[in-house]
Amino acid sequence: MPGRGTEAGPGLEEAGLRLDVEGPVATLTLNRPERRNAMTFAMWHAMAAVGRSLPEDVRVVVVRGAGPSFSAGIDLGMFAPGGEGERRFSGGADPAEADRFIAGLQEGFTWLRRPGVVSVAAVHGHAIGAGFQLALSCDIRVIADDTSFCMKEPALGLVPDLTGTKPLVEIVGVPRALELCLTARTVGAEEAARLGLAEIVTPRDGLDAAVRGLVDSLLAVNAGAAAATKRLLWQAPERTLEEQAAAERHEQIGRLRELFASRP
């Protein structure tokens, strides 16, 4: 969904990203098609920078991948002998510094959940490991019928650490999440929809149209009401019924005051 607001941004192009901003819609594209959008430390830092600098009037963020895949996951070249991964996480590395480094990478994913925007993952082809976690970080997943999800990290001797474990468990439950992660098996589009990992499944050639239709519907809703409702829904699992009812009252009072204040 590129538009007049296409931006390379500081370091975005070098990190393998493209940001297109058109009015209230921003499209963040993983743009390393020659590597099936394998993800790097630089890419995750750049994603975090996008979140920090996103224009305030953006209401919907679409995340997608260029080329044949959404993302093949982490670029394992970073963990080759002498690579950045070895330098940062070898036995002599400072654990506190390593913790801060990973927290900075996670920021590239967590901002997609903030109330002021609705994030949409437009997924096709492979969404492996970090790519799967990126899709899980979005509020809504629209996937093509050629999509393959896989949580590959445990098979590589790693754990999923890009904030994907919480939404995965919330969607499919602990037993199914264990089965998916510890077998690292592939989940196709039909099963993904059945498990709740995708809200919309469409033929590959209909993905763009399906995303456009969803974005139009999201933008048709009052922005303040959308942000307040997202806050309520995201926080509901951690609250008791009484706490959630109180939160609903708080949000509704704010909405009513704004509505009355806007009357001529």
C-alpha atoms as a PDB file:
ATOM      1  CA  MET A   1       0.000   0.000   0.000  1.00  0.00           C
ATOM      2  CA  PRO A   2       2.764   2.473  -0.901  1.00  0.00           C
ATOM      3  CA  GLY A   3       1.844   6.130  -1.232  1.00  0.00           C
ATOM      4  CA  ARG A   4       3.038   9.669  -1.396  1.00  0.00           C
ATOM      5  CA  GLY A   5       4.612   9.331   2.039  1.00  0.00           C
ATOM      6  CA  THR A   6       7.215   6.724   1.126  1.00  0.00           C
ATOM      7  CA  GLU A   7      10.228   7.155   3.365  1.00  0.00           C
ATOM      8  CA  ALA A   8      13.593   5.496   3.508  1.00  0.00           C
ATOM      9  CA  GLY A   9      14.144   7.080   6.914  1.00  0.00           C
ATOM     10  CA  PRO A  10      17.427   7.180   8.806  1.00  0.00           C
ATOM     11  CA  GLY A  11      18.939   3.736   8.395  1.00  0.00           C
ATOM     12  CA  LEU A  12      15.700   2.101   7.276  1.00  0.00           C
ATOM     13  CA  GLU A  13      16.840   1.161   3.804  1.00  0.00           C
ATOM     14  CA  GLU A  14      20.162  -0.153   5.075  1.00  0.00           C
ATOM     15  CA  ALA A  15      18.301  -2.205   7.690  1.00  0.00           C
ATOM     16  CA  GLY A  16      16.065  -3.772   5.050  1.00  0.00           C
ATOM     17  CA  LEU A  17      12.876  -1.848   5.762  1.00  0.00           C
ATOM     18  CA  ARG A  18      10.576   0.518   3.882  1.00  0.00           C
ATOM     19  CA  LEU A  19       8.037   2.805   5.511  1.00  0.00           C
ATOM     20  CA  ASP A  20       5.127   4.216   3.503  1.00  0.00           C
ATOM     21  CA  VAL A  21       2.877   6.734   5.256  1.00  0.00           C
ATOM     22  CA  GLU A  22      -0.294   7.911   3.566  1.00  0.00           C
ATOM     23  CA  GLY A  23      -2.574   9.904   5.853  1.00  0.00           C
ATOM     24  CA  PRO A  24      -3.704   7.703   8.752  1.00  0.00           C
ATOM     25  CA  VAL A  25      -2.150   4.511   7.320  1.00  0.00           C
ATOM     26  CA  ALA A  26       1.489   3.463   7.651  1.00  0.00           C
ATOM     27  CA  THR A  27       2.824   0.407   5.843  1.00  0.00           C
ATOM     28  CA  LEU A  28       6.020  -1.120   7.187  1.00  0.00           C
ATOM     29  CA  THR A  29       7.568  -3.501   4.682  1.00  0.00           C
ATOM     30  CA  LEU A  30      10.311  -6.004   5.417  1.00  0.00           C
ATOM     31  CA  ASN A  31      12.403  -5.366   2.326  1.00  0.00           C
ATOM     32  CA  ARG A  32      15.083  -8.028   1.993  1.00  0.00           C
ATOM     33  CA  PRO A  33      13.367 -10.220  -0.595  1.00  0.00           C
ATOM     34  CA  GLU A  34      16.661 -11.722  -1.744  1.00  0.00           C
ATOM     35  CA  ARG A  35      16.998 -13.161   1.782  1.00  0.00           C
ATOM     36  CA  ARG A  36      13.285 -13.930   2.165  1.00  0.00           C
ATOM     37  CA  ASN A  37      13.201 -11.003   4.608  1.00  0.00           C
ATOM     38  CA  ALA A  38      15.458 -12.721   7.124  1.00  0.00           C
ATOM     39  CA  MET A  39      15.606 -10.408  10.131  1.00  0.00           C
ATOM     40  CA  THR A  40      18.666  -8.826  11.697  1.00  0.00           C
ATOM     41  CA  PHE A  41      19.542  -6.868  14.817  1.00  0.00           C
ATOM     42  CA  ALA A  42      19.702  -3.733  12.655  1.00  0.00           C
ATOM     43  CA  MET A  43      16.200  -4.397  11.322  1.00  0.00           C
ATOM     44  CA  TRP A  44      14.744  -4.801  14.813  1.00  0.00           C
ATOM     45  CA  HIS A  45      16.409  -1.603  16.030  1.00  0.00           C
ATOM     46  CA  ALA A  46      15.054   0.220  12.972  1.00  0.00           C
ATOM     47  CA  MET A  47      11.568  -1.151  13.650  1.00  0.00           C
ATOM     48  CA  ALA A  48      11.779   0.257  17.182  1.00  0.00           C
ATOM     49  CA  ALA A  49      12.808   3.635  15.745  1.00  0.00           C
ATOM     50  CA  VAL A  50       9.771   3.574  13.444  1.00  0.00           C
ATOM     51  CA  GLY A  51       7.537   3.073  16.468  1.00  0.00           C
ATOM     52  CA  ARG A  52       9.125   5.995  18.286  1.00  0.00           C
ATOM     53  CA  SER A  53       8.828   8.378  15.318  1.00  0.00           C
ATOM     54  CA  LEU A  54       5.455   7.354  13.898  1.00  0.00           C
ATOM     55  CA  PRO A  55       3.300  10.413  13.072  1.00  0.00           C
ATOM     56  CA  GLU A  56       0.597  10.987  15.658  1.00  0.00           C
ATOM     57  CA  ASP A  57      -2.203  10.931  13.077  1.00  0.00           C
ATOM     58  CA  VAL A  58      -1.396   7.355  11.995  1.00  0.00           C
ATOM     59  CA  ARG A  59      -4.210   5.068  13.087  1.00  0.00           C
ATOM     60  CA  VAL A  60      -3.463   1.822  11.235  1.00  0.00           C
ATOM     61  CA  VAL A  61      -0.091   0.143  10.701  1.00  0.00           C
ATOM     62  CA  VAL A  62       0.172  -2.621   8.111  1.00  0.00           C
ATOM     63  CA  VAL A  63       3.212  -4.907   8.370  1.00  0.00           C
ATOM     64  CA  ARG A  64       4.108  -6.944   5.300  1.00  0.00           C
ATOM     65  CA  GLY A  65       7.007  -8.604   3.503  1.00  0.00           C
ATOM     66  CA  ALA A  66       8.403  -7.947   0.036  1.00  0.00           C
ATOM     67  CA  GLY A  67       8.937 -10.841  -2.336  1.00  0.00           C
ATOM     68  CA  PRO A  68       7.843 -14.457  -1.878  1.00  0.00           C
ATOM     69  CA  SER A  69       7.757 -14.548   1.949  1.00  0.00           C
ATOM     70  CA  PHE A  70       6.647 -12.515   4.941  1.00  0.00           C
ATOM     71  CA  SER A  71       9.862 -13.454   6.753  1.00  0.00           C
ATOM     72  CA  ALA A  72      12.054 -16.526   6.956  1.00  0.00           C
ATOM     73  CA  GLY A  73      12.970 -15.554  10.516  1.00  0.00           C
ATOM     74  CA  ILE A  74      16.260 -14.610  12.091  1.00  0.00           C
ATOM     75  CA  ASP A  75      19.260 -14.184   9.811  1.00  0.00           C
ATOM     76  CA  LEU A  76      21.507 -16.917  11.149  1.00  0.00           C
ATOM     77  CA  GLY A  77      24.518 -15.164   9.638  1.00  0.00           C
ATOM     78  CA  MET A  78      24.522 -12.976  12.745  1.00  0.00           C
ATOM     79  CA  PHE A  79      25.503 -16.039  14.783  1.00  0.00           C
ATOM     80  CA  ALA A  80      28.303 -17.200  12.513  1.00  0.00           C
ATOM     81  CA  PRO A  81      31.762 -17.405  14.107  1.00  0.00           C
ATOM     82  CA  GLY A  82      32.912 -13.875  14.819  1.00  0.00           C
ATOM     83  CA  GLY A  83      29.468 -12.431  14.085  1.00  0.00           C
ATOM     84  CA  GLU A  84      27.636  -9.888  16.210  1.00  0.00           C
ATOM     85  CA  GLY A  85      25.648 -12.560  18.024  1.00  0.00           C
ATOM     86  CA  GLU A  86      28.786 -14.333  19.206  1.00  0.00           C
ATOM     87  CA  ARG A  87      30.348 -11.049  20.322  1.00  0.00           C
ATOM     88  CA  ARG A  88      27.279 -10.054  22.329  1.00  0.00           C
ATOM     89  CA  PHE A  89      26.288 -13.382  23.842  1.00  0.00           C
ATOM     90  CA  SER A  90      29.472 -15.365  24.320  1.00  0.00           C
ATOM     91  CA  GLY A  91      30.500 -16.543  27.785  1.00  0.00           C
ATOM     92  CA  GLY A  92      32.452 -13.367  28.463  1.00  0.00           C
ATOM     93  CA  ALA A  93      29.605 -10.999  27.649  1.00  0.00           C
ATOM     94  CA  ASP A  94      28.013  -8.897  30.388  1.00  0.00           C
ATOM     95  CA  PRO A  95      24.591 -10.471  31.206  1.00  0.00           C
ATOM     96  CA  ALA A  96      23.066  -7.091  32.119  1.00  0.00           C
ATOM     97  CA  GLU A  97      24.204  -5.583  28.841  1.00  0.00           C
ATOM     98  CA  ALA A  98      22.855  -8.613  26.940  1.00  0.00           C
ATOM     99  CA  ASP A  99      19.517  -8.174  28.698  1.00  0.00           C
ATOM    100  CA  ARG A 100      19.368  -4.493  27.729  1.00  0.00           C
ATOM    101  CA  PHE A 101      20.283  -5.358  24.148  1.00  0.00           C
ATOM    102  CA  ILE A 102      17.468  -7.895  23.778  1.00  0.00           C
ATOM    103  CA  ALA A 103      15.019  -5.471  25.415  1.00  0.00           C
ATOM    104  CA  GLY A 104      15.931  -2.967  22.701  1.00  0.00           C
ATOM    105  CA  LEU A 105      15.194  -5.562  20.030  1.00  0.00           C
ATOM    106  CA  GLN A 106      11.842  -6.384  21.634  1.00  0.00           C
ATOM    107  CA  GLU A 107      10.851  -2.715  21.384  1.00  0.00           C
ATOM    108  CA  GLY A 108      10.591  -3.227  17.637  1.00  0.00           C
ATOM    109  CA  PHE A 109       7.635  -5.530  18.317  1.00  0.00           C
ATOM    110  CA  THR A 110       5.935  -4.134  21.429  1.00  0.00           C
ATOM    111  CA  TRP A 111       4.934  -0.754  19.974  1.00  0.00           C
ATOM    112  CA  LEU A 112       2.574  -2.506  17.553  1.00  0.00           C
ATOM    113  CA  ARG A 113       0.300  -3.226  20.522  1.00  0.00           C
ATOM    114  CA  ARG A 114      -0.127   0.335  21.775  1.00  0.00           C
ATOM    115  CA  PRO A 115      -3.714   1.622  21.901  1.00  0.00           C
ATOM    116  CA  GLY A 116      -3.343   4.519  19.476  1.00  0.00           C
ATOM    117  CA  VAL A 117      -2.847   2.285  16.444  1.00  0.00           C
ATOM    118  CA  VAL A 118      -4.371  -0.920  15.120  1.00  0.00           C
ATOM    119  CA  SER A 119      -1.650  -3.133  13.667  1.00  0.00           C
ATOM    120  CA  VAL A 120      -2.393  -5.534  10.822  1.00  0.00           C
ATOM    121  CA  ALA A 121      -0.026  -8.281   9.681  1.00  0.00           C
ATOM    122  CA  ALA A 122      -0.449  -9.020   5.965  1.00  0.00           C
ATOM    123  CA  VAL A 123       1.188 -12.441   5.741  1.00  0.00           C
ATOM    124  CA  HIS A 124       2.060 -14.595   2.773  1.00  0.00           C
ATOM    125  CA  GLY A 125       4.529 -17.408   2.235  1.00  0.00           C
ATOM    126  CA  HIS A 126       6.845 -18.265   5.086  1.00  0.00           C
ATOM    127  CA  ALA A 127       6.447 -16.628   8.508  1.00  0.00           C
ATOM    128  CA  ILE A 128       9.107 -18.462  10.457  1.00  0.00           C
ATOM    129  CA  GLY A 129      10.457 -17.838  13.946  1.00  0.00           C
ATOM    130  CA  ALA A 130      10.897 -14.083  14.331  1.00  0.00           C
ATOM    131  CA  GLY A 131       8.535 -13.637  11.376  1.00  0.00           C
ATOM    132  CA  PHE A 132       5.848 -15.629  13.178  1.00  0.00           C
ATOM    133  CA  GLN A 133       6.451 -13.565  16.310  1.00  0.00           C
ATOM    134  CA  LEU A 134       6.111 -10.351  14.317  1.00  0.00           C
ATOM    135  CA  ALA A 135       2.750 -11.513  12.992  1.00  0.00           C
ATOM    136  CA  LEU A 136       1.710 -12.419  16.552  1.00  0.00           C
ATOM    137  CA  SER A 137       2.691  -8.922  17.715  1.00  0.00           C
ATOM    138  CA  CYS A 138       0.051  -7.398  15.457  1.00  0.00           C
ATOM    139  CA  ASP A 139      -3.554  -6.960  16.537  1.00  0.00           C
ATOM    140  CA  ILE A 140      -5.033  -8.644  13.465  1.00  0.00           C
ATOM    141  CA  ARG A 141      -3.561 -11.146  11.028  1.00  0.00           C
ATOM    142  CA  VAL A 142      -4.724 -11.322   7.404  1.00  0.00           C
ATOM    143  CA  ILE A 143      -3.024 -14.261   5.744  1.00  0.00           C
ATOM    144  CA  ALA A 144      -2.804 -15.658   2.243  1.00  0.00           C
ATOM    145  CA  ASP A 145      -3.651 -19.283   1.662  1.00  0.00           C
ATOM    146  CA  ASP A 146       0.033 -20.053   0.995  1.00  0.00           C
ATOM    147  CA  THR A 147       1.098 -18.953   4.498  1.00  0.00           C
ATOM    148  CA  SER A 148       3.265 -21.250   6.609  1.00  0.00           C
ATOM    149  CA  PHE A 149       3.770 -20.403  10.286  1.00  0.00           C
ATOM    150  CA  CYS A 150       6.547 -22.069  12.286  1.00  0.00           C
ATOM    151  CA  MET A 151       8.124 -21.320  15.673  1.00  0.00           C
ATOM    152  CA  LYS A 152      11.603 -22.479  14.764  1.00  0.00           C
ATOM    153  CA  GLU A 153      13.713 -21.136  17.638  1.00  0.00           C
ATOM    154  CA  PRO A 154      13.724 -24.221  19.932  1.00  0.00           C
ATOM    155  CA  ALA A 155      14.898 -26.373  17.025  1.00  0.00           C
ATOM    156  CA  LEU A 156      17.866 -23.990  16.703  1.00  0.00           C
ATOM    157  CA  GLY A 157      18.700 -24.215  20.408  1.00  0.00           C
ATOM    158  CA  LEU A 158      17.066 -20.858  21.144  1.00  0.00           C
ATOM    159  CA  VAL A 159      13.821 -19.634  22.693  1.00  0.00           C
ATOM    160  CA  PRO A 160      11.247 -17.292  21.119  1.00  0.00           C
ATOM    161  CA  ASP A 161      12.267 -13.998  22.748  1.00  0.00           C
ATOM    162  CA  LEU A 162      10.661 -11.339  20.556  1.00  0.00           C
ATOM    163  CA  THR A 163       7.452 -11.152  22.622  1.00  0.00           C
ATOM    164  CA  GLY A 164       5.715 -13.951  20.716  1.00  0.00           C
ATOM    165  CA  THR A 165       5.166 -16.459  23.523  1.00  0.00           C
ATOM    166  CA  LYS A 166       2.483 -14.460  25.349  1.00  0.00           C
ATOM    167  CA  PRO A 167       0.125 -13.933  22.374  1.00  0.00           C
ATOM    168  CA  LEU A 168       0.709 -17.500  21.221  1.00  0.00           C
ATOM    169  CA  VAL A 169      -0.369 -18.893  24.602  1.00  0.00           C
ATOM    170  CA  GLU A 170      -3.298 -16.469  24.821  1.00  0.00           C
ATOM    171  CA  ILE A 171      -4.539 -17.587  21.394  1.00  0.00           C
ATOM    172  CA  VAL A 172      -3.982 -21.355  21.432  1.00  0.00           C
ATOM    173  CA  GLY A 173      -3.383 -22.237  25.118  1.00  0.00           C
ATOM    174  CA  VAL A 174      -0.300 -23.682  26.785  1.00  0.00           C
ATOM    175  CA  PRO A 175      -0.568 -27.319  25.575  1.00  0.00           C
ATOM    176  CA  ARG A 176      -0.941 -26.359  21.900  1.00  0.00           C
ATOM    177  CA  ALA A 177       1.748 -23.683  22.208  1.00  0.00           C
ATOM    178  CA  LEU A 178       4.100 -26.313  23.645  1.00  0.00           C
ATOM    179  CA  GLU A 179       3.319 -28.669  20.793  1.00  0.00           C
ATOM    180  CA  LEU A 180       3.896 -25.987  18.145  1.00  0.00           C
ATOM    181  CA  CYS A 181       7.124 -24.678  19.669  1.00  0.00           C
ATOM    182  CA  LEU A 182       8.737 -27.937  20.736  1.00  0.00           C
ATOM    183  CA  THR A 183       8.077 -29.721  17.453  1.00  0.00           C
ATOM    184  CA  ALA A 184       8.781 -26.623  15.308  1.00  0.00           C
ATOM    185  CA  ARG A 185       6.241 -27.947  12.860  1.00  0.00           C
ATOM    186  CA  THR A 186       4.663 -25.935  10.091  1.00  0.00           C
ATOM    187  CA  VAL A 187       1.114 -24.621  10.435  1.00  0.00           C
ATOM    188  CA  GLY A 188      -0.649 -23.917   7.149  1.00  0.00           C
ATOM    189  CA  ALA A 189      -3.305 -21.284   6.544  1.00  0.00           C
ATOM    190  CA  GLU A 190      -6.315 -23.525   7.129  1.00  0.00           C
ATOM    191  CA  GLU A 191      -5.046 -24.773  10.493  1.00  0.00           C
ATOM    192  CA  ALA A 192      -3.912 -21.258  11.455  1.00  0.00           C
ATOM    193  CA  ALA A 193      -7.469 -20.008  10.992  1.00  0.00           C
ATOM    194  CA  ARG A 194      -8.858 -22.943  12.964  1.00  0.00           C
ATOM    195  CA  LEU A 195      -6.469 -22.259  15.857  1.00  0.00           C
ATOM    196  CA  GLY A 196      -7.250 -18.536  15.873  1.00  0.00           C
ATOM    197  CA  LEU A 197      -3.831 -17.502  14.560  1.00  0.00           C
ATOM    198  CA  ALA A 198      -5.451 -15.687  11.645  1.00  0.00           C
ATOM    199  CA  GLU A 199      -8.577 -13.561  11.529  1.00  0.00           C
ATOM    200  CA  ILE A 200      -8.882 -13.504   7.729  1.00  0.00           C
ATOM    201  CA  VAL A 201      -7.644 -16.032   5.161  1.00  0.00           C
ATOM    202  CA  THR A 202      -7.663 -15.100   1.502  1.00  0.00           C
ATOM    203  CA  PRO A 203      -6.282 -16.422  -1.782  1.00  0.00           C
ATOM    204  CA  ARG A 204      -2.750 -15.115  -2.398  1.00  0.00           C
ATOM    205  CA  ASP A 205      -3.881 -12.813  -5.202  1.00  0.00           C
ATOM    206  CA  GLY A 206      -6.576 -11.348  -2.961  1.00  0.00           C
ATOM    207  CA  LEU A 207      -4.335 -10.404  -0.034  1.00  0.00           C
ATOM    208  CA  ASP A 208      -3.913  -6.733  -0.960  1.00  0.00           C
ATOM    209  CA  ALA A 209      -7.640  -6.249  -1.501  1.00  0.00           C
ATOM    210  CA  ALA A 210      -8.482  -7.994   1.774  1.00  0.00           C
ATOM    211  CA  VAL A 211      -6.069  -5.757   3.680  1.00  0.00           C
ATOM    212  CA  ARG A 212      -7.424  -2.616   2.005  1.00  0.00           C
ATOM    213  CA  GLY A 213     -10.973  -3.589   2.903  1.00  0.00           C
ATOM    214  CA  LEU A 214     -10.030  -4.218   6.518  1.00  0.00           C
ATOM    215  CA  VAL A 215      -8.123  -0.931   6.779  1.00  0.00           C
ATOM    216  CA  ASP A 216     -11.083   0.989   5.358  1.00  0.00           C
ATOM    217  CA  SER A 217     -13.371  -0.599   7.929  1.00  0.00           C
ATOM    218  CA  LEU A 218     -10.978   0.192  10.777  1.00  0.00           C
ATOM    219  CA  LEU A 219     -10.690   3.825   9.725  1.00  0.00           C
ATOM    220  CA  ALA A 220     -14.477   4.172   9.598  1.00  0.00           C
ATOM    221  CA  VAL A 221     -14.613   3.837  13.400  1.00  0.00           C
ATOM    222  CA  ASN A 222     -14.120   6.865  15.648  1.00  0.00           C
ATOM    223  CA  ALA A 223     -10.414   7.114  16.519  1.00  0.00           C
ATOM    224  CA  GLY A 224     -10.935   7.811  20.223  1.00  0.00           C
ATOM    225  CA  ALA A 225     -13.411   4.989  20.610  1.00  0.00           C
ATOM    226  CA  ALA A 226     -11.063   2.627  18.780  1.00  0.00           C
ATOM    227  CA  ALA A 227      -8.136   3.442  21.084  1.00  0.00           C
ATOM    228  CA  ALA A 228     -10.258   3.147  24.230  1.00  0.00           C
ATOM    229  CA  THR A 229     -11.742  -0.166  23.105  1.00  0.00           C
ATOM    230  CA  LYS A 230      -8.303  -1.562  22.272  1.00  0.00           C
ATOM    231  CA  ARG A 231      -7.110  -0.647  25.771  1.00  0.00           C
ATOM    232  CA  LEU A 232     -10.083  -2.441  27.288  1.00  0.00           C
ATOM    233  CA  LEU A 233      -9.667  -5.576  25.218  1.00  0.00           C
ATOM    234  CA  TRP A 234      -5.910  -5.897  25.634  1.00  0.00           C
ATOM    235  CA  GLN A 235      -6.093  -5.464  29.413  1.00  0.00           C
ATOM    236  CA  ALA A 236      -9.162  -7.655  29.976  1.00  0.00           C
ATOM    237  CA  PRO A 237      -7.338 -11.006  30.440  1.00  0.00           C
ATOM    238  CA  GLU A 238      -5.373  -9.684  33.423  1.00  0.00           C
ATOM    239  CA  ARG A 239      -8.406  -8.193  35.195  1.00  0.00           C
ATOM    240  CA  THR A 240     -11.208  -9.569  37.294  1.00  0.00           C
ATOM    241  CA  LEU A 241     -14.766  -8.916  36.121  1.00  0.00           C
ATOM    242  CA  GLU A 242     -15.117  -6.155  38.692  1.00  0.00           C
ATOM    243  CA  GLU A 243     -11.859  -4.522  37.567  1.00  0.00           C
ATOM    244  CA  GLN A 244     -12.867  -4.723  33.927  1.00  0.00           C
ATOM    245  CA  ALA A 245     -16.291  -3.254  34.661  1.00  0.00           C
ATOM    246  CA  ALA A 246     -14.597  -0.336  36.439  1.00  0.00           C
ATOM    247  CA  ALA A 247     -12.262   0.147  33.462  1.00  0.00           C
ATOM    248  CA  GLU A 248     -15.255   0.187  31.115  1.00  0.00           C
ATOM    249  CA  ARG A 249     -16.889   2.881  33.213  1.00  0.00           C
ATOM    250  CA  HIS A 250     -13.717   4.959  33.202  1.00  0.00           C
ATOM    251  CA  GLU A 251     -13.300   4.729  29.429  1.00  0.00           C
ATOM    252  CA  GLN A 252     -16.968   5.430  28.755  1.00  0.00           C
ATOM    253  CA  ILE A 253     -17.022   8.537  30.932  1.00  0.00           C
ATOM    254  CA  GLY A 254     -14.070   9.873  28.964  1.00  0.00           C
ATOM    255  CA  ARG A 255     -15.778   9.137  25.664  1.00  0.00           C
ATOM    256  CA  LEU A 256     -19.061  10.748  26.739  1.00  0.00           C
ATOM    257  CA  ARG A 257     -17.300  13.876  27.951  1.00  0.00           C
ATOM    258  CA  GLU A 258     -15.487  14.185  24.628  1.00  0.00           C
ATOM    259  CA  LEU A 259     -18.693  13.662  22.654  1.00  0.00           C
ATOM    260  CA  PHE A 260     -20.565  16.280  24.631  1.00  0.00           C
ATOM    261  CA  ALA A 261     -17.662  18.745  24.410  1.00  0.00           C
ATOM    262  CA  SER A 262     -17.633  18.443  20.607  1.00  0.00           C
ATOM    263  CA  ARG A 263     -21.289  19.468  20.257  1.00  0.00           C
ATOM    264  CA  PRO A 264     -21.874  22.988  18.878  1.00  0.00           C
END
